[in-house]
N, C-alpha and C. Protein backbone atom coordinates (compact mmCIF):
# COMPACT_ATOMS: atom_id res chain seq x y z
N MET A 1 0.43 -1.20 0.43
CA MET A 1 0.13 -0.59 0.12
C MET A 1 1.08 1.17 0.03
N ALA A 2 2.39 1.04 0.14
CA ALA A 2 3.29 2.35 -0.18
C ALA A 2 2.70 2.95 -0.92
N HIS A 3 2.62 2.35 -2.13
CA HIS A 3 2.63 2.97 -3.65
C HIS A 3 1.35 3.48 -4.46
N LEU A 4 0.40 4.10 -3.52
CA LEU A 4 -1.00 4.25 -3.99
C LEU A 4 -0.05 5.61 -4.79
N HIS A 5 -1.65 5.62 -6.07
CA HIS A 5 -1.13 7.00 -7.01
C HIS A 5 -2.90 7.29 -7.03
N TYR A 6 -2.72 8.60 -6.66
CA TYR A 6 -4.38 9.61 -6.70
C TYR A 6 -4.54 9.99 -7.49
N THR A 7 -5.72 10.19 -8.45
CA THR A 7 -5.80 10.92 -9.68
C THR A 7 -7.51 11.62 -9.54
N THR A 8 -7.71 12.70 -9.76
CA THR A 8 -8.86 12.67 -10.08
C THR A 8 -9.41 12.26 -11.86
N VAL A 9 -10.79 11.69 -11.69
CA VAL A 9 -11.16 11.64 -13.24
C VAL A 9 -11.88 12.30 -13.47
N PRO A 10 -12.18 12.86 -14.62
CA PRO A 10 -13.59 14.03 -14.75
C PRO A 10 -14.45 12.65 -15.98
N CYS A 11 -16.30 13.05 -15.57
CA CYS A 11 -16.80 11.93 -16.14
C CYS A 11 -17.66 12.94 -16.53
N LEU A 12 -18.45 12.31 -17.44
CA LEU A 12 -19.85 12.49 -17.51
C LEU A 12 -20.93 11.57 -16.65
N VAL A 13 -20.62 10.93 -16.69
CA VAL A 13 -21.75 9.72 -15.88
C VAL A 13 -21.61 9.65 -14.39
N CYS A 14 -20.44 9.94 -13.81
CA CYS A 14 -20.62 10.59 -12.41
C CYS A 14 -19.49 11.82 -12.31
N PRO A 15 -20.10 12.53 -10.95
CA PRO A 15 -19.59 12.98 -10.42
C PRO A 15 -17.88 12.96 -10.53
N PRO A 16 -17.25 13.34 -10.62
CA PRO A 16 -15.42 13.72 -10.88
C PRO A 16 -15.18 12.74 -8.96
N LEU A 17 -14.32 11.98 -9.81
CA LEU A 17 -13.86 11.00 -8.75
C LEU A 17 -12.44 10.83 -8.30
N GLU A 18 -11.98 10.79 -6.85
CA GLU A 18 -10.90 10.11 -6.58
C GLU A 18 -10.41 9.20 -6.71
N VAL A 19 -9.59 8.33 -7.55
CA VAL A 19 -9.46 6.81 -7.59
C VAL A 19 -8.01 6.55 -7.10
N THR A 20 -7.98 5.44 -6.18
CA THR A 20 -7.02 4.77 -5.95
C THR A 20 -6.30 3.98 -6.24
N TRP A 21 -5.65 3.67 -7.40
CA TRP A 21 -4.98 2.65 -8.30
C TRP A 21 -4.36 1.76 -7.34
N GLY A 22 -5.06 0.67 -7.39
CA GLY A 22 -4.80 -0.35 -6.29
C GLY A 22 -5.86 -0.82 -5.55
N CYS A 23 -7.01 -0.35 -5.61
CA CYS A 23 -7.72 -0.72 -5.00
C CYS A 23 -8.49 -2.27 -5.44
N LEU A 24 -9.54 -2.81 -4.51
CA LEU A 24 -10.22 -3.89 -5.27
C LEU A 24 -10.88 -3.93 -6.51
N GLN A 25 -10.64 -5.32 -6.52
CA GLN A 25 -10.80 -5.70 -8.50
C GLN A 25 -12.04 -5.24 -8.31
N ALA A 26 -13.12 -5.75 -7.37
CA ALA A 26 -14.94 -5.25 -7.85
C ALA A 26 -14.88 -3.11 -8.03
N VAL A 27 -14.06 -2.66 -7.14
CA VAL A 27 -13.88 -1.50 -7.65
C VAL A 27 -13.22 -0.88 -8.58
N GLY A 28 -11.90 -1.73 -9.11
CA GLY A 28 -12.02 -1.23 -10.82
C GLY A 28 -12.54 -1.99 -11.36
N ASP A 29 -13.16 -3.19 -11.68
CA ASP A 29 -14.35 -3.65 -12.35
C ASP A 29 -15.84 -2.22 -12.54
N ALA A 30 -15.81 -1.83 -11.69
CA ALA A 30 -16.72 -0.99 -11.67
C ALA A 30 -16.31 0.13 -12.68
N LEU A 31 -15.28 0.78 -12.01
CA LEU A 31 -14.77 2.23 -12.87
C LEU A 31 -14.21 1.77 -14.32
N SER A 32 -14.09 0.51 -14.49
CA SER A 32 -14.14 0.29 -15.85
C SER A 32 -15.16 0.27 -16.82
N GLY A 33 -16.29 -0.23 -16.11
CA GLY A 33 -17.76 -0.40 -16.55
C GLY A 33 -18.34 1.17 -16.77
N VAL A 34 -18.09 1.85 -15.82
CA VAL A 34 -18.14 3.66 -15.87
C VAL A 34 -17.25 3.94 -17.38
N LEU A 35 -15.99 3.77 -17.30
CA LEU A 35 -15.01 4.46 -17.75
C LEU A 35 -15.57 4.06 -19.30
N MET A 36 -16.19 3.15 -19.32
CA MET A 36 -16.51 2.87 -21.37
C MET A 36 -17.45 2.78 -21.64
N VAL A 37 -18.73 3.80 -20.65
CA VAL A 37 -19.41 4.55 -20.92
C VAL A 37 -19.31 5.77 -21.38
N GLU A 38 -18.66 5.95 -20.17
CA GLU A 38 -17.85 7.60 -20.73
C GLU A 38 -16.89 7.80 -22.23
N ALA A 39 -15.87 6.53 -22.74
CA ALA A 39 -15.78 6.89 -23.76
C ALA A 39 -16.72 6.23 -24.96
N ALA A 40 -17.59 5.50 -24.22
CA ALA A 40 -19.02 5.31 -25.62
C ALA A 40 -19.70 6.39 -25.67
N LEU A 41 -20.20 7.35 -24.76
CA LEU A 41 -21.32 8.54 -24.57
C LEU A 41 -19.82 9.89 -25.62
N ARG A 42 -19.02 9.83 -25.19
CA ARG A 42 -17.56 10.51 -26.06
C ARG A 42 -17.82 10.36 -27.52
N ARG A 43 -17.46 9.02 -27.68
CA ARG A 43 -17.49 8.97 -29.27
C ARG A 43 -18.37 9.25 -29.93
N ARG A 44 -20.14 9.21 -29.76
CA ARG A 44 -21.15 9.94 -30.41
C ARG A 44 -21.73 10.68 -29.84
N GLN A 45 -20.20 11.24 -29.21
CA GLN A 45 -20.96 12.59 -28.69
C GLN A 45 -22.63 12.93 -28.33
N TRP A 46 -22.84 12.02 -27.05
CA TRP A 46 -23.87 11.88 -26.50
C TRP A 46 -23.69 12.62 -25.09
N GLY A 47 -24.32 13.02 -24.43
CA GLY A 47 -24.64 13.13 -23.05
C GLY A 47 -25.76 12.00 -22.73
N LEU A 48 -26.22 12.31 -21.14
CA LEU A 48 -26.63 11.70 -20.36
C LEU A 48 -28.06 11.51 -20.88
N GLU A 49 -28.48 12.79 -21.10
CA GLU A 49 -29.86 12.96 -21.96
C GLU A 49 -30.71 11.96 -22.93
N GLN A 50 -29.29 11.79 -23.68
CA GLN A 50 -29.48 10.83 -25.01
C GLN A 50 -29.39 9.33 -24.41
N TRP A 51 -28.68 8.97 -24.09
CA TRP A 51 -28.26 7.86 -23.32
C TRP A 51 -29.80 7.51 -22.62
N GLY A 52 -30.35 8.09 -21.85
CA GLY A 52 -31.41 7.66 -20.91
C GLY A 52 -32.36 7.67 -22.46
N GLN A 53 -32.52 8.81 -23.15
CA GLN A 53 -33.92 8.18 -24.32
C GLN A 53 -33.65 6.88 -24.87
N LEU A 54 -32.37 6.20 -24.66
CA LEU A 54 -32.24 4.86 -25.29
C LEU A 54 -33.63 3.46 -25.04
N TYR A 55 -33.73 4.32 -23.44
CA TYR A 55 -34.31 3.07 -22.43
C TYR A 55 -35.80 3.21 -22.15
N GLN A 56 -36.48 2.64 -22.32
CA GLN A 56 -38.13 2.74 -21.84
C GLN A 56 -38.15 1.63 -20.96
N ASP A 57 -38.37 2.08 -19.38
CA ASP A 57 -38.98 1.32 -18.83
C ASP A 57 -40.32 0.38 -19.16
N LEU A 58 -40.75 -0.45 -18.74
CA LEU A 58 -41.61 -1.36 -19.33
C LEU A 58 -42.69 -1.92 -17.75
N PRO A 59 -43.83 -1.85 -17.70
CA PRO A 59 -43.97 -2.19 -16.61
C PRO A 59 -43.84 -3.62 -16.11
N SER A 60 -43.95 -4.02 -15.26
CA SER A 60 -43.21 -5.58 -14.37
C SER A 60 -44.15 -5.64 -12.95
N ARG A 61 -45.13 -7.15 -12.98
CA ARG A 61 -45.61 -7.30 -11.97
C ARG A 61 -45.10 -8.80 -11.65
N GLN A 62 -45.50 -8.71 -10.49
CA GLN A 62 -45.34 -10.85 -10.29
C GLN A 62 -46.49 -10.69 -9.29
N SER A 63 -46.71 -12.33 -9.29
CA SER A 63 -47.84 -12.75 -8.34
C SER A 63 -47.65 -13.75 -7.71
N LYS A 64 -48.29 -14.32 -7.01
CA LYS A 64 -48.16 -15.70 -6.66
C LYS A 64 -49.58 -16.82 -7.14
N VAL A 65 -48.95 -17.74 -7.09
CA VAL A 65 -51.00 -18.69 -7.63
C VAL A 65 -50.07 -20.20 -6.75
N LEU A 66 -51.35 -19.96 -5.70
CA LEU A 66 -51.18 -21.21 -5.19
C LEU A 66 -51.55 -22.32 -5.78
N VAL A 67 -51.21 -23.71 -5.50
CA VAL A 67 -51.03 -24.62 -6.37
C VAL A 67 -50.88 -25.65 -5.28
N ALA A 68 -51.88 -26.93 -6.01
CA ALA A 68 -51.88 -28.23 -4.95
C ALA A 68 -50.86 -28.86 -4.38
N ASP A 69 -50.14 -29.07 -5.67
CA ASP A 69 -48.57 -30.21 -5.86
C ASP A 69 -47.98 -29.31 -6.54
N ARG A 70 -46.82 -28.52 -6.34
CA ARG A 70 -45.75 -27.59 -7.03
C ARG A 70 -44.68 -28.65 -7.37
N GLY A 71 -44.80 -29.84 -6.64
CA GLY A 71 -43.97 -30.51 -7.62
C GLY A 71 -44.35 -31.20 -9.22
N VAL A 72 -45.42 -30.57 -9.54
CA VAL A 72 -45.47 -31.53 -10.95
C VAL A 72 -44.98 -30.58 -11.92
N ILE A 73 -44.41 -28.81 -11.73
CA ILE A 73 -44.59 -28.28 -12.57
C ILE A 73 -42.86 -28.37 -12.23
N SER A 74 -42.32 -28.47 -13.93
CA SER A 74 -40.77 -28.39 -13.51
C SER A 74 -40.20 -27.10 -14.90
N THR A 75 -39.39 -26.77 -14.65
CA THR A 75 -38.95 -26.00 -15.41
C THR A 75 -37.52 -26.14 -15.83
N ILE A 76 -37.51 -25.71 -17.17
CA ILE A 76 -35.48 -25.50 -17.70
C ILE A 76 -34.82 -24.48 -17.96
N ASN A 77 -33.64 -24.58 -18.62
CA ASN A 77 -33.23 -23.16 -18.92
C ASN A 77 -33.46 -21.85 -18.13
N ALA A 78 -32.57 -22.32 -17.11
CA ALA A 78 -32.53 -21.20 -16.22
C ALA A 78 -34.22 -20.24 -15.70
N GLU A 79 -35.08 -21.73 -15.71
CA GLU A 79 -36.45 -21.14 -14.90
C GLU A 79 -37.15 -20.59 -16.82
N THR A 80 -36.97 -20.39 -17.46
CA THR A 80 -37.26 -19.86 -18.46
C THR A 80 -38.37 -20.36 -19.84
N GLN A 81 -38.54 -21.85 -19.08
CA GLN A 81 -39.49 -22.72 -19.70
C GLN A 81 -39.77 -23.42 -19.16
N VAL A 82 -41.24 -23.62 -18.91
CA VAL A 82 -41.99 -25.03 -18.60
C VAL A 82 -41.76 -26.31 -18.89
N ALA A 83 -40.97 -26.95 -18.37
CA ALA A 83 -40.81 -28.99 -19.12
C ALA A 83 -42.26 -29.35 -19.05
N ALA A 84 -43.12 -29.33 -17.59
CA ALA A 84 -44.14 -30.07 -17.21
C ALA A 84 -44.69 -28.98 -16.08
N PRO A 85 -46.49 -29.70 -16.52
CA PRO A 85 -47.07 -30.27 -17.47
C PRO A 85 -46.82 -29.63 -18.61
N ALA A 86 -46.91 -30.50 -19.61
CA ALA A 86 -47.15 -30.94 -20.76
C ALA A 86 -48.27 -29.78 -21.51
N GLY A 87 -47.77 -29.35 -22.29
CA GLY A 87 -48.99 -28.25 -22.69
C GLY A 87 -49.56 -26.47 -22.25
N LEU A 88 -48.33 -26.48 -20.91
CA LEU A 88 -48.26 -25.46 -19.80
C LEU A 88 -47.38 -24.18 -20.98
N GLN A 89 -46.31 -24.63 -21.47
CA GLN A 89 -45.48 -23.96 -22.13
C GLN A 89 -46.40 -22.91 -22.78
N ALA A 90 -47.07 -24.36 -24.01
CA ALA A 90 -47.19 -23.83 -25.41
C ALA A 90 -48.27 -22.61 -24.56
N LEU A 91 -49.42 -22.69 -23.46
CA LEU A 91 -50.29 -21.60 -23.12
C LEU A 91 -49.35 -20.26 -23.10
N ILE A 92 -48.96 -20.38 -22.01
CA ILE A 92 -47.64 -19.16 -21.74
C ILE A 92 -47.86 -18.21 -22.97
N ASP A 93 -46.66 -18.84 -23.79
CA ASP A 93 -46.32 -18.61 -25.48
C ASP A 93 -47.78 -17.73 -26.11
N GLN A 94 -49.02 -18.96 -25.41
CA GLN A 94 -50.65 -18.13 -26.29
C GLN A 94 -50.95 -16.73 -25.63
N ALA A 95 -50.33 -16.79 -24.26
CA ALA A 95 -50.67 -15.70 -23.47
C ALA A 95 -50.10 -14.64 -23.85
N VAL A 96 -48.39 -14.74 -24.10
CA VAL A 96 -47.77 -13.29 -24.16
C VAL A 96 -47.73 -13.10 -25.41
N ALA A 97 -48.05 -14.15 -26.86
CA ALA A 97 -47.36 -13.72 -27.96
C ALA A 97 -48.40 -12.17 -28.91
N GLY A 98 -47.47 -11.19 -28.71
CA GLY A 98 -48.52 -10.18 -29.12
C GLY A 98 -48.34 -9.09 -28.36
N ASN A 99 -47.91 -9.29 -27.08
CA ASN A 99 -48.36 -8.35 -26.15
C ASN A 99 -47.11 -7.43 -25.19
N VAL A 100 -46.80 -6.58 -26.03
CA VAL A 100 -45.81 -5.59 -25.85
C VAL A 100 -45.42 -4.91 -24.48
N PHE A 101 -46.47 -5.32 -23.41
CA PHE A 101 -46.29 -5.19 -22.44
C PHE A 101 -45.92 -5.64 -21.50
N TYR A 102 -46.38 -7.02 -21.80
CA TYR A 102 -45.82 -8.46 -21.05
C TYR A 102 -45.56 -9.27 -21.73
N PRO A 103 -44.40 -8.88 -22.74
CA PRO A 103 -43.62 -10.23 -23.78
C PRO A 103 -43.22 -11.12 -23.10
N ILE A 104 -43.05 -11.60 -21.72
CA ILE A 104 -42.43 -12.88 -21.34
C ILE A 104 -42.71 -12.68 -20.08
N LEU A 105 -43.02 -13.85 -19.68
CA LEU A 105 -43.69 -14.57 -18.66
C LEU A 105 -43.03 -15.93 -18.09
N TYR A 106 -42.10 -15.93 -17.00
CA TYR A 106 -41.64 -16.84 -16.51
C TYR A 106 -42.15 -17.62 -14.65
N LEU A 107 -42.30 -18.79 -14.79
CA LEU A 107 -42.92 -19.37 -13.44
C LEU A 107 -41.67 -19.89 -12.78
N THR A 108 -42.20 -19.49 -11.58
CA THR A 108 -40.58 -20.07 -10.45
C THR A 108 -41.56 -20.75 -9.20
N VAL A 109 -40.86 -21.67 -9.14
CA VAL A 109 -41.68 -23.02 -8.14
C VAL A 109 -40.75 -22.68 -7.07
N SER A 110 -41.66 -22.38 -6.14
CA SER A 110 -41.05 -21.88 -4.93
C SER A 110 -40.66 -23.41 -3.76
N GLY A 111 -39.97 -23.42 -3.12
CA GLY A 111 -38.95 -24.31 -2.66
C GLY A 111 -39.63 -24.76 -1.67
N VAL A 112 -40.45 -23.64 -0.75
CA VAL A 112 -41.12 -23.88 0.00
C VAL A 112 -42.46 -23.44 0.30
N GLU A 113 -43.11 -23.23 -0.10
CA GLU A 113 -44.47 -22.33 -0.18
C GLU A 113 -45.39 -23.25 -1.76
N PRO A 114 -46.71 -23.94 -1.19
CA PRO A 114 -47.03 -24.39 -2.28
C PRO A 114 -47.55 -23.43 -3.19
N VAL A 115 -46.66 -22.45 -4.06
CA VAL A 115 -46.96 -21.43 -4.51
C VAL A 115 -46.45 -21.78 -6.05
N VAL A 116 -46.81 -20.85 -7.10
CA VAL A 116 -45.52 -20.66 -8.21
C VAL A 116 -45.90 -19.29 -8.14
N SER A 117 -44.66 -18.60 -8.45
CA SER A 117 -44.66 -17.22 -8.50
C SER A 117 -44.38 -16.61 -10.30
N CYS A 118 -45.30 -16.33 -10.98
CA CYS A 118 -45.42 -15.28 -12.35
C CYS A 118 -44.92 -14.72 -12.55
N ARG A 119 -43.99 -14.17 -13.09
CA ARG A 119 -43.11 -12.52 -13.23
C ARG A 119 -43.17 -12.37 -14.73
């Protein structure tokens, strides 16, 4: 720790930072991400306002459905698809087809309660 180097980094994305080079890896990774965003914004000659206009926040909701036996439902692909019971994934696909507000539906089987979370 005897060879710490302090510098101030001007940045569009955040207030000026005093950076200690030789800090924790997680902090270094976070700063790398911030600086990458900064570089991308400068290359496009964008400010934070233009960057913010790229993202449209869509509504999200989660609900729980009480089920008699949560063991009947199994999921695959990191809980993004229902493997059993047969036909349930097709019903989900049909329900979300063409829906711009809720284009994705995931089922998560609770490990403790007799419920399935729908999000």
